């Protein structure tokens, strides 16, 4: 568990996880008793540091303390997330939290999405990165409003950051909010931002087993975009296996195969967004009566 963010909540177990301890040649590795107890050593040579009640390990912290820290952090975050969700619902704003590992192509996909919807929908973008405003600059070049959040050493966006960004953006009613999270398949899974859906983007240049290696993220997502599909003829990537692995973790996950380069799947993706925006506006009208 990261004691800064409390990642590890709601751990999804699919199978064993191999862990290699990297150290300098000849260096001795010593563990205190409570650290040894946190890891289960299986007969097949796997050390599982996610076996305790906290579902993770932090040197010097007991499992009970880790659980308490995690609960405190996520409880505060959930409070801010509910505030965000209430505001978005009251104003008919459809918010999506785009999550992926670095290099999945989500910014390029976002640029294509905005170019297609810019004259049709009111929209704004929140960009999350540890440093630089490079991605926000790319989004602004499309003519869309974008706000960059730099998280420093932080590995994810949280609901308080997003709430502050929403205030700064002065979002329009009946609009679309696209949140591009920090490239990370671990911590963003645990943090509700108040969004309608998490959208996990998996590139075909990654492995088919990514959903099994990072199950919490694919369990938390409602939609998976299998991206960069234009590269499939040049790779040994098994798209059917990737989808099957995602559905092994989350049987209800929707999947759209996309490519910002060739345009594959963009029509289906855009229709999914339009349907979500309409639903948000219709729900606001009903609740506002």
Protein backbone atom coordinates (compact mmCIF):
# COMPACT_ATOMS: atom_id res chain seq x y z
CA UNK A 1 0.00 0.00 0.00
CA UNK A 2 1.14 3.53 -0.77
CA UNK A 3 0.75 5.32 2.56
CA UNK A 4 0.34 8.64 0.76
CA UNK A 5 -2.67 7.60 -1.29
CA UNK A 6 -3.97 4.45 0.39
CA UNK A 7 -3.96 2.34 -2.78
CA UNK A 8 -4.87 -1.29 -2.32
CA UNK A 9 -8.51 -0.79 -1.35
CA UNK A 10 -10.96 -3.37 -2.64
CA UNK A 11 -8.27 -5.72 -3.87
CA UNK A 12 -9.41 -8.01 -6.68
CA UNK A 13 -7.71 -11.40 -6.57
CA UNK A 14 -7.33 -13.29 -9.84
CA UNK A 15 -4.16 -15.33 -9.36
CA UNK A 16 -0.67 -15.35 -7.88
CA UNK A 17 1.75 -12.49 -8.46
CA UNK A 18 5.50 -13.02 -8.84
CA UNK A 19 7.70 -10.48 -7.05
CA UNK A 20 11.43 -10.05 -7.46
CA UNK A 21 13.37 -8.13 -4.83
CA UNK A 22 16.01 -5.99 -6.53
CA UNK A 23 19.20 -5.30 -4.59
CA UNK A 24 22.88 -4.68 -5.17
CA UNK A 25 24.94 -7.83 -5.78
CA UNK A 26 26.16 -9.28 -2.49
CA UNK A 27 23.89 -7.10 -0.34
CA UNK A 28 22.13 -8.78 2.56
CA UNK A 29 18.36 -8.33 2.80
CA UNK A 30 16.87 -8.43 6.28
CA UNK A 31 13.23 -8.23 7.30
CA UNK A 32 11.81 -7.51 10.70
CA UNK A 33 9.39 -10.07 12.13
CA UNK A 34 6.25 -8.06 11.35
CA UNK A 35 7.48 -7.56 7.77
CA UNK A 36 8.05 -11.28 7.32
CA UNK A 37 4.54 -12.00 8.52
CA UNK A 38 3.11 -9.70 5.83
CA UNK A 39 4.37 -11.95 3.03
CA UNK A 40 3.17 -15.44 2.22
CA UNK A 41 5.75 -17.58 0.43
CA UNK A 42 4.06 -20.09 -1.83
CA UNK A 43 5.48 -23.44 -2.86
CA UNK A 44 5.86 -22.33 -6.49
CA UNK A 45 8.28 -19.54 -5.54
CA UNK A 46 5.97 -16.54 -5.30
CA UNK A 47 6.19 -14.01 -2.46
CA UNK A 48 2.75 -12.48 -1.94
CA UNK A 49 2.88 -9.15 -0.07
CA UNK A 50 -0.83 -8.63 -0.70
CA UNK A 51 -1.87 -11.47 1.60
CA UNK A 52 -2.61 -9.44 4.75
CA UNK A 53 -5.83 -7.60 5.69
CA UNK A 54 -4.55 -4.40 4.07
CA UNK A 55 -3.98 -6.21 0.79
CA UNK A 56 -0.52 -4.61 0.55
CA UNK A 57 2.73 -3.99 2.44
CA UNK A 58 4.52 -0.93 3.84
CA UNK A 59 7.81 -1.25 5.76
CA UNK A 60 7.43 -0.32 9.42
CA UNK A 61 3.63 -0.32 9.44
CA UNK A 62 1.39 -3.03 10.81
CA UNK A 63 -1.47 -4.33 8.69
CA UNK A 64 -3.98 -2.84 11.15
CA UNK A 65 -2.37 0.61 10.89
CA UNK A 66 -2.30 0.39 7.10
CA UNK A 67 -5.99 -0.46 7.02
CA UNK A 68 -6.80 2.49 9.28
CA UNK A 69 -4.77 4.93 7.16
CA UNK A 70 -6.42 3.66 4.01
CA UNK A 71 -9.90 3.98 5.45
CA UNK A 72 -9.23 7.52 6.63
CA UNK A 73 -7.86 8.66 3.27
CA UNK A 74 -10.52 7.01 1.14
CA UNK A 75 -13.33 8.15 3.45
CA UNK A 76 -12.28 11.77 3.04
CA UNK A 77 -11.94 11.31 -0.70
CA UNK A 78 -15.38 9.72 -0.96
CA UNK A 79 -16.90 12.76 0.77
CA UNK A 80 -15.43 15.09 -1.84
CA UNK A 81 -16.46 12.68 -4.60
CA UNK A 82 -20.09 12.79 -3.48
CA UNK A 83 -19.98 16.59 -3.54
CA UNK A 84 -18.62 16.48 -7.09
CA UNK A 85 -21.20 13.90 -8.15
CA UNK A 86 -24.07 15.94 -6.73
CA UNK A 87 -22.89 19.07 -8.53
CA UNK A 88 -22.44 17.24 -11.84
CA UNK A 89 -25.87 15.61 -11.58
CA UNK A 90 -27.59 18.90 -10.71
CA UNK A 91 -26.09 20.57 -13.77
CA UNK A 92 -26.53 17.73 -16.27
CA UNK A 93 -22.79 17.22 -16.74
CA UNK A 94 -21.56 13.83 -17.94
CA UNK A 95 -18.10 13.16 -16.47
CA UNK A 96 -15.70 10.42 -17.53
CA UNK A 97 -12.50 9.36 -15.77
CA UNK A 98 -10.03 8.06 -18.38
CA UNK A 99 -7.46 5.74 -16.83
CA UNK A 100 -4.57 3.75 -18.30
CA UNK A 101 -0.90 2.98 -18.07
CA UNK A 102 1.52 5.53 -19.63
CA UNK A 103 1.74 5.34 -23.41
CA UNK A 104 -1.69 3.84 -24.05
CA UNK A 105 -2.57 6.64 -26.47
CA UNK A 106 -5.31 8.18 -24.34
CA UNK A 107 -4.30 11.79 -25.09
CA UNK A 108 -4.29 11.15 -28.85
CA UNK A 109 -7.67 9.41 -28.51
CA UNK A 110 -8.92 12.38 -26.48
CA UNK A 111 -7.78 14.84 -29.16
CA UNK A 112 -9.67 12.90 -31.85
CA UNK A 113 -12.73 12.66 -29.62
CA UNK A 114 -12.77 16.39 -28.96
CA UNK A 115 -12.26 17.20 -32.64
CA UNK A 116 -15.36 15.14 -33.44
CA UNK A 117 -17.54 16.58 -30.67
CA UNK A 118 -16.28 20.14 -30.26
CA UNK A 119 -18.98 21.78 -32.39
CA UNK A 120 -21.70 19.45 -31.12
CA UNK A 121 -21.25 19.33 -27.34
CA UNK A 122 -20.12 21.78 -24.72
CA UNK A 123 -17.08 20.17 -23.15
CA UNK A 124 -14.08 20.73 -20.91
CA UNK A 125 -11.04 18.66 -20.01
CA UNK A 126 -9.06 18.11 -16.80
CA UNK A 127 -5.55 16.81 -17.45
CA UNK A 128 -3.62 14.97 -14.73
CA UNK A 129 0.16 14.50 -14.82
CA UNK A 130 2.95 14.60 -12.29
CA UNK A 131 4.68 17.44 -14.17
CA UNK A 132 4.36 19.63 -17.31
CA UNK A 133 1.27 20.94 -19.06
CA UNK A 134 2.13 19.27 -22.38
CA UNK A 135 -1.12 17.30 -22.62
CA UNK A 136 -3.28 20.30 -21.68
CA UNK A 137 -1.55 22.29 -24.42
CA UNK A 138 -2.43 19.56 -26.93
CA UNK A 139 -6.06 19.69 -25.81
CA UNK A 140 -6.23 23.49 -25.95
CA UNK A 141 -4.92 23.35 -29.53
CA UNK A 142 -8.24 21.69 -30.47
CA UNK A 143 -10.11 24.75 -29.19
CA UNK A 144 -11.38 22.99 -26.07
CA UNK A 145 -11.07 24.38 -22.55
CA UNK A 146 -8.49 22.40 -20.56
CA UNK A 147 -7.03 22.71 -17.08
CA UNK A 148 -3.81 20.96 -16.08
CA UNK A 149 -3.42 19.43 -12.62
CA UNK A 150 0.17 18.61 -11.68
CA UNK A 151 0.29 16.09 -8.85
CA UNK A 152 4.03 16.32 -8.09
CA UNK A 153 4.97 13.02 -6.46
CA UNK A 154 1.31 12.01 -6.39
CA UNK A 155 0.37 9.02 -8.52
CA UNK A 156 -3.30 9.83 -9.20
CA UNK A 157 -5.96 12.50 -9.19
CA UNK A 158 -8.26 12.68 -6.18
CA UNK A 159 -11.76 14.07 -5.73
CA UNK A 160 -10.60 17.24 -3.94
CA UNK A 161 -8.26 18.14 -6.82
CA UNK A 162 -11.02 17.55 -9.35
CA UNK A 163 -13.52 19.59 -7.33
CA UNK A 164 -11.12 22.55 -7.27
CA UNK A 165 -10.56 22.16 -11.02
CA UNK A 166 -14.30 22.09 -11.66
CA UNK A 167 -14.67 25.40 -9.83
CA UNK A 168 -11.83 26.91 -11.84
CA UNK A 169 -13.28 25.72 -15.15
CA UNK A 170 -16.77 27.08 -14.39
CA UNK A 171 -18.37 24.16 -16.20
CA UNK A 172 -21.40 24.80 -18.36
CA UNK A 173 -24.70 23.06 -17.74
CA UNK A 174 -25.55 20.08 -19.97
CA UNK A 175 -21.93 19.51 -20.92
CA UNK A 176 -19.23 16.83 -21.09
CA UNK A 177 -16.30 16.68 -18.67
CA UNK A 178 -13.36 14.48 -19.70
CA UNK A 179 -10.83 13.73 -16.97
CA UNK A 180 -7.51 12.27 -18.12
CA UNK A 181 -5.98 10.70 -15.03
CA UNK A 182 -2.29 10.20 -14.32
CA UNK A 183 -0.86 7.24 -16.26
CA UNK A 184 -1.11 4.51 -13.61
CA UNK A 185 -3.11 1.27 -13.43
CA UNK A 186 -2.90 0.97 -9.63
CA UNK A 187 -3.89 3.96 -7.48
CA UNK A 188 -6.60 5.60 -9.65
CA UNK A 189 -8.67 2.42 -9.29
CA UNK A 190 -9.35 3.21 -5.64
CA UNK A 191 -10.17 6.90 -5.99
CA UNK A 192 -13.70 7.96 -6.89
CA UNK A 193 -13.66 11.42 -8.48
CA UNK A 194 -17.44 11.75 -8.71
CA UNK A 195 -17.42 10.60 -12.35
CA UNK A 196 -20.20 8.70 -14.06
CA UNK A 197 -17.80 6.04 -15.36
CA UNK A 198 -14.17 5.00 -15.30
CA UNK A 199 -12.98 4.20 -18.82
CA UNK A 200 -9.90 1.96 -18.93
CA UNK A 201 -7.74 2.28 -22.04
CA UNK A 202 -5.61 -0.74 -22.92
CA UNK A 203 -3.22 -0.48 -25.85
CA UNK A 204 -2.49 -3.48 -28.07
CA UNK A 205 1.21 -2.66 -27.59
CA UNK A 206 0.79 -3.83 -23.99
CA UNK A 207 0.22 -7.41 -22.87
CA UNK A 208 -3.03 -9.36 -23.11
CA UNK A 209 -2.64 -10.18 -19.41
CA UNK A 210 -2.74 -6.55 -18.23
CA UNK A 211 -6.30 -6.96 -16.86
CA UNK A 212 -5.12 -9.94 -14.79
CA UNK A 213 -2.01 -8.14 -13.54
CA UNK A 214 -3.94 -4.99 -12.61
CA UNK A 215 -7.41 -6.37 -11.83
CA UNK A 216 -8.59 -3.57 -9.52
CA UNK A 217 -8.55 -1.07 -12.37
CA UNK A 218 -10.45 -3.25 -14.82
CA UNK A 219 -12.89 -4.24 -12.07
CA UNK A 220 -13.58 -0.55 -11.37
CA UNK A 221 -14.06 0.37 -15.04
CA UNK A 222 -17.39 0.23 -16.86
CA UNK A 223 -15.83 0.45 -20.32
CA UNK A 224 -12.53 -0.71 -21.81
CA UNK A 225 -11.20 0.88 -24.98
CA UNK A 226 -8.84 -1.56 -26.69
CA UNK A 227 -6.72 1.07 -28.38
CA UNK A 228 -4.18 1.32 -31.23
CA UNK A 229 -5.95 -1.51 -33.07
CA UNK A 230 -4.43 -0.29 -36.34
CA UNK A 231 -1.19 -1.92 -35.14
CA UNK A 232 -2.66 -5.41 -34.71
CA UNK A 233 -1.38 -6.71 -38.11
CA UNK A 234 2.17 -5.98 -36.96
CA UNK A 235 1.94 -7.50 -33.48
CA UNK A 236 1.42 -10.90 -31.88
CA UNK A 237 -1.18 -9.41 -29.52
CA UNK A 238 -4.27 -11.61 -29.09
CA UNK A 239 -7.19 -9.17 -28.92
CA UNK A 240 -9.75 -11.87 -28.10
CA UNK A 241 -7.64 -13.07 -25.16
CA UNK A 242 -7.26 -9.50 -23.86
CA UNK A 243 -11.04 -9.04 -23.91
CA UNK A 244 -11.57 -12.44 -22.27
CA UNK A 245 -9.11 -11.52 -19.50
CA UNK A 246 -10.89 -8.23 -18.89
CA UNK A 247 -14.23 -10.04 -18.62
CA UNK A 248 -12.69 -12.64 -16.34
CA UNK A 249 -12.04 -9.77 -13.92
CA UNK A 250 -15.22 -7.86 -14.70
CA UNK A 251 -17.95 -9.82 -16.54
CA UNK A 252 -19.99 -6.64 -17.06
CA UNK A 253 -17.28 -4.51 -18.68
CA UNK A 254 -18.12 -3.12 -22.11
CA UNK A 255 -15.41 -3.19 -24.78
CA UNK A 256 -14.87 -1.00 -27.84
CA UNK A 257 -11.91 -1.52 -30.16
CA UNK A 258 -10.49 1.84 -31.17
CA UNK A 259 -7.74 3.56 -33.13
CA UNK A 260 -7.14 7.30 -33.21
CA UNK A 261 -5.03 6.72 -36.34
CA UNK A 262 -7.41 4.70 -38.52
CA UNK A 263 -10.66 5.83 -36.90
CA UNK A 264 -11.69 2.27 -36.02
CA UNK A 265 -14.35 2.20 -33.32
CA UNK A 266 -14.55 5.99 -33.04
CA UNK A 267 -18.16 6.07 -34.17
CA UNK A 268 -19.19 3.58 -31.49
CA UNK A 269 -17.18 5.43 -28.83
CA UNK A 270 -18.72 8.79 -29.77
CA UNK A 271 -22.24 7.33 -29.70
CA UNK A 272 -21.53 5.91 -26.23
CA UNK A 273 -20.54 9.40 -25.07
CA UNK A 274 -23.57 11.05 -26.69
CA UNK A 275 -25.89 8.55 -24.99
CA UNK A 276 -24.27 9.30 -21.62
CA UNK A 277 -24.62 13.05 -22.10
CA UNK A 278 -28.29 12.70 -23.03
CA UNK A 279 -28.90 10.53 -19.99
CA UNK A 280 -27.26 13.11 -17.71
CA UNK A 281 -29.38 15.93 -19.14
CA UNK A 282 -32.61 13.89 -18.96
CA UNK A 283 -31.90 12.89 -15.37
CA UNK A 284 -31.28 16.52 -14.40
CA UNK A 285 -34.62 17.51 -15.93
CA UNK A 286 -36.46 14.81 -13.98
CA UNK A 287 -34.73 15.55 -10.67
CA UNK A 288 -35.19 19.31 -11.14
CA UNK A 289 -38.95 19.16 -11.43
